[in-house]
Amino acid sequence: MDLIIPTGRRKGGNPSLASLYRALADYDKTQAHPEVVEQARAEFAELRSGAR
């Protein structure tokens, strides 16, 4: 499996080891606390709809 950075300054390059660890840690947090993630997404959607 090839991992490629889709956007930004390093677009098309490979992510660093630190980036992989951060991504895995973020994924673990979302899996451990799905209710918090849903609440944050709902609050963000509410903020976006109110800003327009």
C-alpha atoms as a PDB file:
ATOM      1  CA  MET A   1       0.000   0.000   0.000  1.00  0.00           C
ATOM      2  CA  ASP A   2       1.386   3.397  -0.974  1.00  0.00           C
ATOM      3  CA  LEU A   3       0.667   6.415   1.186  1.00  0.00           C
ATOM      4  CA  ILE A   4       0.651   9.723  -0.641  1.00  0.00           C
ATOM      5  CA  ILE A   5      -0.030  13.215   0.716  1.00  0.00           C
ATOM      6  CA  PRO A   6      -3.087  14.483  -1.217  1.00  0.00           C
ATOM      7  CA  THR A   7      -2.807  18.249  -0.593  1.00  0.00           C
ATOM      8  CA  GLY A   8      -0.485  20.966   0.604  1.00  0.00           C
ATOM      9  CA  ARG A   9       3.130  21.819   0.113  1.00  0.00           C
ATOM     10  CA  ARG A  10       4.262  18.175   0.092  1.00  0.00           C
ATOM     11  CA  LYS A  11       1.489  17.014  -2.261  1.00  0.00           C
ATOM     12  CA  GLY A  12       2.386  13.765  -3.969  1.00  0.00           C
ATOM     13  CA  GLY A  13       5.110  12.913  -1.463  1.00  0.00           C
ATOM     14  CA  ASN A  14       5.274  10.315   1.255  1.00  0.00           C
ATOM     15  CA  PRO A  15       4.233  11.266   4.798  1.00  0.00           C
ATOM     16  CA  SER A  16       6.854  11.337   7.521  1.00  0.00           C
ATOM     17  CA  LEU A  17       6.944   8.777  10.293  1.00  0.00           C
ATOM     18  CA  ALA A  18       5.726  11.439  12.744  1.00  0.00           C
ATOM     19  CA  SER A  19       2.725  12.160  10.505  1.00  0.00           C
ATOM     20  CA  LEU A  20       1.830   8.482  10.455  1.00  0.00           C
ATOM     21  CA  TYR A  21       2.009   8.277  14.256  1.00  0.00           C
ATOM     22  CA  ARG A  22      -0.192  11.391  14.597  1.00  0.00           C
ATOM     23  CA  ALA A  23      -2.746   9.969  12.168  1.00  0.00           C
ATOM     24  CA  LEU A  24      -2.865   6.660  14.040  1.00  0.00           C
ATOM     25  CA  ALA A  25      -3.217   8.421  17.396  1.00  0.00           C
ATOM     26  CA  ASP A  26      -6.078  10.568  16.048  1.00  0.00           C
ATOM     27  CA  TYR A  27      -7.789   7.469  14.681  1.00  0.00           C
ATOM     28  CA  ASP A  28      -7.483   5.706  18.036  1.00  0.00           C
ATOM     29  CA  LYS A  29      -9.043   8.706  19.789  1.00  0.00           C
ATOM     30  CA  THR A  30     -12.020   8.749  17.413  1.00  0.00           C
ATOM     31  CA  GLN A  31     -12.564   5.023  17.920  1.00  0.00           C
ATOM     32  CA  ALA A  32     -12.337   5.306  21.709  1.00  0.00           C
ATOM     33  CA  HIS A  33     -14.754   8.268  21.979  1.00  0.00           C
ATOM     34  CA  PRO A  34     -17.184   8.244  19.026  1.00  0.00           C
ATOM     35  CA  GLU A  35     -19.831  10.252  20.912  1.00  0.00           C
ATOM     36  CA  VAL A  36     -17.415  13.163  21.369  1.00  0.00           C
ATOM     37  CA  VAL A  37     -16.544  13.123  17.672  1.00  0.00           C
ATOM     38  CA  GLU A  38     -20.230  13.200  16.702  1.00  0.00           C
ATOM     39  CA  GLN A  39     -20.889  16.080  19.091  1.00  0.00           C
ATOM     40  CA  ALA A  40     -17.969  18.062  17.678  1.00  0.00           C
ATOM     41  CA  ARG A  41     -19.161  17.462  14.108  1.00  0.00           C
ATOM     42  CA  ALA A  42     -22.687  18.578  15.014  1.00  0.00           C
ATOM     43  CA  GLU A  43     -21.404  21.727  16.704  1.00  0.00           C
ATOM     44  CA  PHE A  44     -19.183  22.516  13.724  1.00  0.00           C
ATOM     45  CA  ALA A  45     -22.092  22.065  11.305  1.00  0.00           C
ATOM     46  CA  GLU A  46     -24.217  24.354  13.465  1.00  0.00           C
ATOM     47  CA  LEU A  47     -21.510  27.019  13.481  1.00  0.00           C
ATOM     48  CA  ARG A  48     -21.107  26.821   9.708  1.00  0.00           C
ATOM     49  CA  SER A  49     -24.833  27.085   9.032  1.00  0.00           C
ATOM     50  CA  GLY A  50     -25.156  30.056  11.389  1.00  0.00           C
ATOM     51  CA  ALA A  51     -22.246  31.929   9.805  1.00  0.00           C
ATOM     52  CA  ARG A  52     -23.886  32.215   6.387  1.00  0.00           C
END
